[in-house]
Amino acid sequence: MIQIFGTNKSFDCKAAQRFFKERRIPFQFVDLKEKEMSAGEFDSVVTALARTEGGRSGAIEALTDKSSKNYSSIAYLDDNDKEQKFFENQLTLLKLPVCRNGKTEATVGMQQTIWEGWK
């Protein structure tokens, strides 16, 4: 099952939902303002992204919205501290949408070319 993590106010999150609806691909939308990612969900997203982003620190970099007002709170932390601080502040630091296909694939932002291969 495909999960879309985001907010109802995000235009990119709405576009991602529309993308899957138009193709009749079932998905679950998780509004991060109501329920943030659990530790297990966060870990599986980071692990999936680490395969394509050059490790866990690359995955955290890919997930980070550098235009966020809270970006400075993690910008200079060491990698281990950065991941924990990021998890604790995911609502304000995540680049949206985060889409997860099972436990092995994940994307950040609008990635329609990758989503085309998801069923």
C-alpha atoms as a PDB file:
ATOM      1  CA  MET A   1       0.000   0.000   0.000  1.00  0.00           C
ATOM      2  CA  ILE A   2       1.243   3.455  -0.887  1.00  0.00           C
ATOM      3  CA  GLN A   3       1.323   6.054   1.867  1.00  0.00           C
ATOM      4  CA  ILE A   4       1.520   9.789   1.304  1.00  0.00           C
ATOM      5  CA  PHE A   5       2.760  11.784   4.284  1.00  0.00           C
ATOM      6  CA  GLY A   6       1.976  15.480   4.107  1.00  0.00           C
ATOM      7  CA  THR A   7      -0.507  18.182   5.010  1.00  0.00           C
ATOM      8  CA  ASN A   8      -3.884  19.067   3.555  1.00  0.00           C
ATOM      9  CA  LYS A   9      -2.703  22.613   2.818  1.00  0.00           C
ATOM     10  CA  SER A  10       0.272  21.573   0.681  1.00  0.00           C
ATOM     11  CA  PHE A  11      -0.345  21.911  -3.065  1.00  0.00           C
ATOM     12  CA  ASP A  12       2.268  19.227  -3.798  1.00  0.00           C
ATOM     13  CA  CYS A  13       0.517  16.810  -1.420  1.00  0.00           C
ATOM     14  CA  LYS A  14      -2.792  17.464  -3.162  1.00  0.00           C
ATOM     15  CA  ALA A  15      -1.107  16.911  -6.531  1.00  0.00           C
ATOM     16  CA  ALA A  16       0.384  13.606  -5.321  1.00  0.00           C
ATOM     17  CA  GLN A  17      -3.039  12.425  -4.147  1.00  0.00           C
ATOM     18  CA  ARG A  18      -4.540  13.423  -7.505  1.00  0.00           C
ATOM     19  CA  PHE A  19      -1.752  11.550  -9.345  1.00  0.00           C
ATOM     20  CA  PHE A  20      -2.583   8.264  -7.602  1.00  0.00           C
ATOM     21  CA  LYS A  21      -6.381   8.786  -7.778  1.00  0.00           C
ATOM     22  CA  GLU A  22      -6.270   9.403 -11.529  1.00  0.00           C
ATOM     23  CA  ARG A  23      -4.397   6.126 -12.016  1.00  0.00           C
ATOM     24  CA  ARG A  24      -6.677   4.247  -9.619  1.00  0.00           C
ATOM     25  CA  ILE A  25      -3.709   3.305  -7.457  1.00  0.00           C
ATOM     26  CA  PRO A  26      -4.876   2.849  -3.851  1.00  0.00           C
ATOM     27  CA  PHE A  27      -3.102   4.995  -1.270  1.00  0.00           C
ATOM     28  CA  GLN A  28      -3.398   6.163   2.314  1.00  0.00           C
ATOM     29  CA  PHE A  29      -2.939   9.857   3.089  1.00  0.00           C
ATOM     30  CA  VAL A  30      -1.432  10.642   6.494  1.00  0.00           C
ATOM     31  CA  ASP A  31      -1.913  14.251   7.585  1.00  0.00           C
ATOM     32  CA  LEU A  32       1.209  15.081   9.583  1.00  0.00           C
ATOM     33  CA  LYS A  33      -0.654  17.817  11.456  1.00  0.00           C
ATOM     34  CA  GLU A  34      -2.914  15.138  12.945  1.00  0.00           C
ATOM     35  CA  LYS A  35      -0.418  12.288  13.311  1.00  0.00           C
ATOM     36  CA  GLU A  36       3.326  12.457  12.678  1.00  0.00           C
ATOM     37  CA  MET A  37       5.312   9.479  11.414  1.00  0.00           C
ATOM     38  CA  SER A  38       5.971   6.848  14.030  1.00  0.00           C
ATOM     39  CA  ALA A  39       9.570   5.857  14.750  1.00  0.00           C
ATOM     40  CA  GLY A  40       9.111   2.712  12.622  1.00  0.00           C
ATOM     41  CA  GLU A  41       7.603   4.613   9.677  1.00  0.00           C
ATOM     42  CA  PHE A  42      10.324   7.254   9.852  1.00  0.00           C
ATOM     43  CA  ASP A  43      13.041   4.595   9.985  1.00  0.00           C
ATOM     44  CA  SER A  44      11.629   2.713   6.983  1.00  0.00           C
ATOM     45  CA  VAL A  45      11.417   5.939   4.936  1.00  0.00           C
ATOM     46  CA  VAL A  46      15.000   6.876   5.830  1.00  0.00           C
ATOM     47  CA  THR A  47      16.236   3.326   5.107  1.00  0.00           C
ATOM     48  CA  ALA A  48      14.471   3.254   1.716  1.00  0.00           C
ATOM     49  CA  LEU A  49      15.835   6.666   0.762  1.00  0.00           C
ATOM     50  CA  ALA A  50      19.322   5.733   1.977  1.00  0.00           C
ATOM     51  CA  ARG A  51      19.562   3.212  -0.894  1.00  0.00           C
ATOM     52  CA  THR A  52      19.345   5.993  -3.476  1.00  0.00           C
ATOM     53  CA  GLU A  53      20.759   8.945  -1.530  1.00  0.00           C
ATOM     54  CA  GLY A  54      24.090   7.502  -0.430  1.00  0.00           C
ATOM     55  CA  GLY A  55      23.332   6.444   3.130  1.00  0.00           C
ATOM     56  CA  ARG A  56      21.243   7.642   6.046  1.00  0.00           C
ATOM     57  CA  SER A  57      22.804  11.108   6.206  1.00  0.00           C
ATOM     58  CA  GLY A  58      22.025  11.581   2.495  1.00  0.00           C
ATOM     59  CA  ALA A  59      18.449  10.471   3.136  1.00  0.00           C
ATOM     60  CA  ILE A  60      18.054  13.041   5.922  1.00  0.00           C
ATOM     61  CA  GLU A  61      19.469  15.706   3.598  1.00  0.00           C
ATOM     62  CA  ALA A  62      16.957  14.718   0.897  1.00  0.00           C
ATOM     63  CA  LEU A  63      14.074  14.860   3.404  1.00  0.00           C
ATOM     64  CA  THR A  64      15.051  18.272   4.751  1.00  0.00           C
ATOM     65  CA  ASP A  65      13.231  21.397   3.643  1.00  0.00           C
ATOM     66  CA  LYS A  66      16.142  23.828   3.691  1.00  0.00           C
ATOM     67  CA  SER A  67      13.774  26.804   3.420  1.00  0.00           C
ATOM     68  CA  SER A  68      12.119  25.863   6.729  1.00  0.00           C
ATOM     69  CA  LYS A  69      12.453  28.417   9.510  1.00  0.00           C
ATOM     70  CA  ASN A  70      13.643  25.568  11.772  1.00  0.00           C
ATOM     71  CA  TYR A  71      16.391  24.383   9.388  1.00  0.00           C
ATOM     72  CA  SER A  72      19.054  26.179  11.423  1.00  0.00           C
ATOM     73  CA  SER A  73      18.215  23.946  14.413  1.00  0.00           C
ATOM     74  CA  ILE A  74      19.713  20.915  12.619  1.00  0.00           C
ATOM     75  CA  ALA A  75      22.010  22.418   9.971  1.00  0.00           C
ATOM     76  CA  TYR A  76      25.224  22.097  11.990  1.00  0.00           C
ATOM     77  CA  LEU A  77      24.511  18.997  14.057  1.00  0.00           C
ATOM     78  CA  ASP A  78      26.494  15.801  13.606  1.00  0.00           C
ATOM     79  CA  ASP A  79      24.675  13.085  11.606  1.00  0.00           C
ATOM     80  CA  ASN A  80      23.489  10.999  14.590  1.00  0.00           C
ATOM     81  CA  ASP A  81      22.109  14.014  16.431  1.00  0.00           C
ATOM     82  CA  LYS A  82      20.624  15.412  13.212  1.00  0.00           C
ATOM     83  CA  GLU A  83      18.478  12.316  12.565  1.00  0.00           C
ATOM     84  CA  GLN A  84      17.017  12.344  16.091  1.00  0.00           C
ATOM     85  CA  LYS A  85      16.363  16.101  16.073  1.00  0.00           C
ATOM     86  CA  PHE A  86      14.811  15.780  12.605  1.00  0.00           C
ATOM     87  CA  PHE A  87      12.459  13.023  13.810  1.00  0.00           C
ATOM     88  CA  GLU A  88      11.394  15.163  16.775  1.00  0.00           C
ATOM     89  CA  ASN A  89      10.652  18.156  14.485  1.00  0.00           C
ATOM     90  CA  GLN A  90       9.455  16.365  11.346  1.00  0.00           C
ATOM     91  CA  LEU A  91       6.365  18.519  10.821  1.00  0.00           C
ATOM     92  CA  THR A  92       8.429  21.681  10.438  1.00  0.00           C
ATOM     93  CA  LEU A  93      11.448  20.173   8.656  1.00  0.00           C
ATOM     94  CA  LEU A  94      10.082  17.662   6.114  1.00  0.00           C
ATOM     95  CA  LYS A  95      10.070  18.426   2.421  1.00  0.00           C
ATOM     96  CA  LEU A  96       6.620  17.329   1.238  1.00  0.00           C
ATOM     97  CA  PRO A  97       5.140  15.057   0.070  1.00  0.00           C
ATOM     98  CA  VAL A  98       6.901  11.960   1.367  1.00  0.00           C
ATOM     99  CA  CYS A  99       5.558   8.900  -0.445  1.00  0.00           C
ATOM    100  CA  ARG A 100       6.259   5.345   0.641  1.00  0.00           C
ATOM    101  CA  ASN A 101       5.574   2.181  -1.331  1.00  0.00           C
ATOM    102  CA  GLY A 102       5.743  -0.659   1.177  1.00  0.00           C
ATOM    103  CA  LYS A 103       8.890  -0.695   3.268  1.00  0.00           C
ATOM    104  CA  THR A 104      11.408  -0.715   0.423  1.00  0.00           C
ATOM    105  CA  GLU A 105      10.660   2.380  -1.689  1.00  0.00           C
ATOM    106  CA  ALA A 106      10.217   6.025  -0.768  1.00  0.00           C
ATOM    107  CA  THR A 107      10.364   9.413  -2.462  1.00  0.00           C
ATOM    108  CA  VAL A 108      10.485  13.030  -1.359  1.00  0.00           C
ATOM    109  CA  GLY A 109       8.761  15.798  -3.295  1.00  0.00           C
ATOM    110  CA  MET A 110       7.008  15.383  -6.620  1.00  0.00           C
ATOM    111  CA  GLN A 111       8.490  12.249  -8.233  1.00  0.00           C
ATOM    112  CA  GLN A 112       5.911  11.242 -10.866  1.00  0.00           C
ATOM    113  CA  THR A 113       8.427   9.343 -13.002  1.00  0.00           C
ATOM    114  CA  ILE A 114       9.225   7.032 -10.076  1.00  0.00           C
ATOM    115  CA  TRP A 115       5.562   6.755  -9.041  1.00  0.00           C
ATOM    116  CA  GLU A 116       4.662   5.572 -12.564  1.00  0.00           C
ATOM    117  CA  GLY A 117       6.330   2.255 -11.728  1.00  0.00           C
ATOM    118  CA  TRP A 118       4.443   1.794  -8.451  1.00  0.00           C
ATOM    119  CA  LYS A 119       1.323  -0.365  -8.320  1.00  0.00           C
END
